[in-house]
Amino acid sequence: MLTRAITEEKALKMIRNEEDRKCYCIKLGNLPVGYIVLMDIKSKTGRIVIMIDEPFTNKGYGARSLFLLEKEAAKLGVEKLTLEVRTDNAPAISLYKKLGFNLKYKEVVMEKILSKY
């Protein structure tokens, strides 16, 4: 069962298709298993956001979706694709490298826990 149940309608409401972005629901039959978004199309450097629900990761849905999005991006005139990934997400990093993405820079994320005042 889905751990972060998301409907296609909810995904499309969260990130609407607009002139500078395209949102696609990734489905297994009629079951939504994730989404992929291409943003900043006009800049020619498209930014990708992808989410595959946990029970469906490592099954090829992300790879296939990225492959199809790359073709669509080229048709739309995008010349370069970028995406962000957590440094501890080794399976995703491995997939992106296999698909030809290169590490541009390592990002440091810092946090501070606030105590109650």
C-alpha atoms as a PDB file:
ATOM      1  CA  MET A   1       0.000   0.000   0.000  1.00  0.00           C
ATOM      2  CA  LEU A   2       1.096   3.575  -0.547  1.00  0.00           C
ATOM      3  CA  THR A   3       2.819   5.152   2.412  1.00  0.00           C
ATOM      4  CA  ARG A   4       2.344   8.712   1.156  1.00  0.00           C
ATOM      5  CA  ALA A   5      -0.877   8.246  -0.751  1.00  0.00           C
ATOM      6  CA  ILE A   6      -1.041  10.963  -3.372  1.00  0.00           C
ATOM      7  CA  THR A   7      -3.708  11.182  -5.982  1.00  0.00           C
ATOM      8  CA  GLU A   8      -3.103  12.439  -9.476  1.00  0.00           C
ATOM      9  CA  GLU A   9      -5.485  15.319  -8.784  1.00  0.00           C
ATOM     10  CA  LYS A  10      -3.568  16.323  -5.656  1.00  0.00           C
ATOM     11  CA  ALA A  11      -0.228  16.182  -7.468  1.00  0.00           C
ATOM     12  CA  LEU A  12      -1.532  18.312 -10.320  1.00  0.00           C
ATOM     13  CA  LYS A  13      -3.029  20.851  -7.902  1.00  0.00           C
ATOM     14  CA  MET A  14       0.262  21.096  -6.029  1.00  0.00           C
ATOM     15  CA  ILE A  15       2.300  21.726  -9.157  1.00  0.00           C
ATOM     16  CA  ARG A  16       0.105  22.914 -12.001  1.00  0.00           C
ATOM     17  CA  ASN A  17       1.133  22.678 -15.615  1.00  0.00           C
ATOM     18  CA  GLU A  18       2.069  26.160 -16.681  1.00  0.00           C
ATOM     19  CA  GLU A  19       3.937  27.648 -19.568  1.00  0.00           C
ATOM     20  CA  ASP A  20       7.289  27.265 -17.795  1.00  0.00           C
ATOM     21  CA  ARG A  21       6.684  23.858 -16.176  1.00  0.00           C
ATOM     22  CA  LYS A  22       5.173  20.482 -16.930  1.00  0.00           C
ATOM     23  CA  CYS A  23       3.954  18.015 -14.311  1.00  0.00           C
ATOM     24  CA  TYR A  24       3.386  14.343 -15.015  1.00  0.00           C
ATOM     25  CA  CYS A  25       1.830  11.709 -12.776  1.00  0.00           C
ATOM     26  CA  ILE A  26       3.715   8.396 -12.807  1.00  0.00           C
ATOM     27  CA  LYS A  27       1.253   5.520 -12.793  1.00  0.00           C
ATOM     28  CA  LEU A  28       1.249   1.767 -12.516  1.00  0.00           C
ATOM     29  CA  GLY A  29      -1.976   1.025 -14.356  1.00  0.00           C
ATOM     30  CA  ASN A  30      -4.402   3.429 -12.721  1.00  0.00           C
ATOM     31  CA  LEU A  31      -2.418   3.638  -9.469  1.00  0.00           C
ATOM     32  CA  PRO A  32      -0.357   6.825  -9.018  1.00  0.00           C
ATOM     33  CA  VAL A  33       3.124   5.857  -7.780  1.00  0.00           C
ATOM     34  CA  GLY A  34       4.808   9.259  -8.039  1.00  0.00           C
ATOM     35  CA  TYR A  35       5.271  12.382 -10.080  1.00  0.00           C
ATOM     36  CA  ILE A  36       7.918  14.108 -12.156  1.00  0.00           C
ATOM     37  CA  VAL A  37       8.090  17.811 -12.890  1.00  0.00           C
ATOM     38  CA  LEU A  38      10.116  19.775 -15.427  1.00  0.00           C
ATOM     39  CA  MET A  39      10.516  23.419 -14.378  1.00  0.00           C
ATOM     40  CA  ASP A  40      12.270  26.499 -15.738  1.00  0.00           C
ATOM     41  CA  ILE A  41      11.697  25.409 -19.322  1.00  0.00           C
ATOM     42  CA  LYS A  42      12.125  28.919 -20.735  1.00  0.00           C
ATOM     43  CA  SER A  43      15.604  29.252 -19.222  1.00  0.00           C
ATOM     44  CA  LYS A  44      16.814  26.327 -21.378  1.00  0.00           C
ATOM     45  CA  THR A  45      18.175  24.767 -18.165  1.00  0.00           C
ATOM     46  CA  GLY A  46      15.316  22.612 -16.966  1.00  0.00           C
ATOM     47  CA  ARG A  47      15.088  21.691 -13.322  1.00  0.00           C
ATOM     48  CA  ILE A  48      13.674  18.253 -12.467  1.00  0.00           C
ATOM     49  CA  VAL A  49      11.740  17.270  -9.364  1.00  0.00           C
ATOM     50  CA  ILE A  50      10.863  13.599  -9.081  1.00  0.00           C
ATOM     51  CA  MET A  51       9.180  11.577  -6.356  1.00  0.00           C
ATOM     52  CA  ILE A  52       8.470   7.869  -6.427  1.00  0.00           C
ATOM     53  CA  ASP A  53       6.463   6.479  -3.510  1.00  0.00           C
ATOM     54  CA  GLU A  54       8.646   4.243  -1.304  1.00  0.00           C
ATOM     55  CA  PRO A  55       7.043   0.856  -2.135  1.00  0.00           C
ATOM     56  CA  PHE A  56       7.722   1.507  -5.830  1.00  0.00           C
ATOM     57  CA  THR A  57      11.347   2.664  -5.676  1.00  0.00           C
ATOM     58  CA  ASN A  58      14.110   0.598  -7.304  1.00  0.00           C
ATOM     59  CA  LYS A  59      11.681  -0.905  -9.799  1.00  0.00           C
ATOM     60  CA  GLY A  60      12.593   1.190 -12.855  1.00  0.00           C
ATOM     61  CA  TYR A  61       9.787   3.771 -12.674  1.00  0.00           C
ATOM     62  CA  GLY A  62      12.180   6.628 -11.962  1.00  0.00           C
ATOM     63  CA  ALA A  63      14.590   5.635 -14.724  1.00  0.00           C
ATOM     64  CA  ARG A  64      11.819   5.273 -17.296  1.00  0.00           C
ATOM     65  CA  SER A  65      10.208   8.550 -16.250  1.00  0.00           C
ATOM     66  CA  LEU A  66      13.513  10.432 -16.451  1.00  0.00           C
ATOM     67  CA  PHE A  67      14.196   8.940 -19.872  1.00  0.00           C
ATOM     68  CA  LEU A  68      10.802  10.079 -21.176  1.00  0.00           C
ATOM     69  CA  LEU A  69      11.128  13.505 -19.541  1.00  0.00           C
ATOM     70  CA  GLU A  70      14.531  13.998 -21.161  1.00  0.00           C
ATOM     71  CA  LYS A  71      12.992  13.404 -24.596  1.00  0.00           C
ATOM     72  CA  GLU A  72      10.129  15.802 -23.824  1.00  0.00           C
ATOM     73  CA  ALA A  73      12.551  18.442 -22.524  1.00  0.00           C
ATOM     74  CA  ALA A  74      14.586  18.282 -25.740  1.00  0.00           C
ATOM     75  CA  LYS A  75      11.398  18.772 -27.780  1.00  0.00           C
ATOM     76  CA  LEU A  76      10.628  21.849 -25.673  1.00  0.00           C
ATOM     77  CA  GLY A  77      14.069  23.350 -26.393  1.00  0.00           C
ATOM     78  CA  VAL A  78      15.709  22.616 -23.047  1.00  0.00           C
ATOM     79  CA  GLU A  79      19.471  22.306 -23.446  1.00  0.00           C
ATOM     80  CA  LYS A  80      20.523  21.158 -19.971  1.00  0.00           C
ATOM     81  CA  LEU A  81      18.813  19.360 -17.081  1.00  0.00           C
ATOM     82  CA  THR A  82      19.514  19.757 -13.381  1.00  0.00           C
ATOM     83  CA  LEU A  83      18.168  18.099 -10.267  1.00  0.00           C
ATOM     84  CA  GLU A  84      18.891  17.992  -6.570  1.00  0.00           C
ATOM     85  CA  VAL A  85      19.304  14.855  -4.506  1.00  0.00           C
ATOM     86  CA  ARG A  86      20.123  14.224  -0.880  1.00  0.00           C
ATOM     87  CA  THR A  87      23.694  13.076  -0.361  1.00  0.00           C
ATOM     88  CA  ASP A  88      22.459  10.057   1.634  1.00  0.00           C
ATOM     89  CA  ASN A  89      20.209   8.842  -1.214  1.00  0.00           C
ATOM     90  CA  ALA A  90      22.767   6.492  -2.781  1.00  0.00           C
ATOM     91  CA  PRO A  91      20.287   4.595  -5.009  1.00  0.00           C
ATOM     92  CA  ALA A  92      19.064   7.841  -6.604  1.00  0.00           C
ATOM     93  CA  ILE A  93      22.600   9.176  -7.062  1.00  0.00           C
ATOM     94  CA  SER A  94      23.607   5.907  -8.726  1.00  0.00           C
ATOM     95  CA  LEU A  95      20.605   6.080 -11.061  1.00  0.00           C
ATOM     96  CA  TYR A  96      21.275   9.694 -12.024  1.00  0.00           C
ATOM     97  CA  LYS A  97      24.923   8.899 -12.779  1.00  0.00           C
ATOM     98  CA  LYS A  98      23.875   5.941 -14.953  1.00  0.00           C
ATOM     99  CA  LEU A  99      21.578   8.309 -16.842  1.00  0.00           C
ATOM    100  CA  GLY A 100      24.452  10.727 -17.525  1.00  0.00           C
ATOM    101  CA  PHE A 101      24.017  13.305 -14.761  1.00  0.00           C
ATOM    102  CA  ASN A 102      27.248  14.614 -13.264  1.00  0.00           C
ATOM    103  CA  LEU A 103      27.872  15.865  -9.745  1.00  0.00           C
ATOM    104  CA  LYS A 104      28.114  19.635  -9.993  1.00  0.00           C
ATOM    105  CA  TYR A 105      28.765  20.457  -6.339  1.00  0.00           C
ATOM    106  CA  LYS A 106      28.095  19.035  -2.919  1.00  0.00           C
ATOM    107  CA  GLU A 107      25.556  20.929  -0.896  1.00  0.00           C
ATOM    108  CA  VAL A 108      25.772  21.247   2.848  1.00  0.00           C
ATOM    109  CA  VAL A 109      22.469  21.342   4.686  1.00  0.00           C
ATOM    110  CA  MET A 110      22.542  22.587   8.242  1.00  0.00           C
ATOM    111  CA  GLU A 111      19.848  22.642  10.874  1.00  0.00           C
ATOM    112  CA  LYS A 112      19.284  24.049  14.312  1.00  0.00           C
ATOM    113  CA  ILE A 113      16.789  22.721  16.842  1.00  0.00           C
ATOM    114  CA  LEU A 114      15.072  25.577  18.583  1.00  0.00           C
ATOM    115  CA  SER A 115      14.251  25.240  22.218  1.00  0.00           C
ATOM    116  CA  LYS A 116      11.029  26.677  23.544  1.00  0.00           C
ATOM    117  CA  TYR A 117      11.473  30.217  24.786  1.00  0.00           C
END
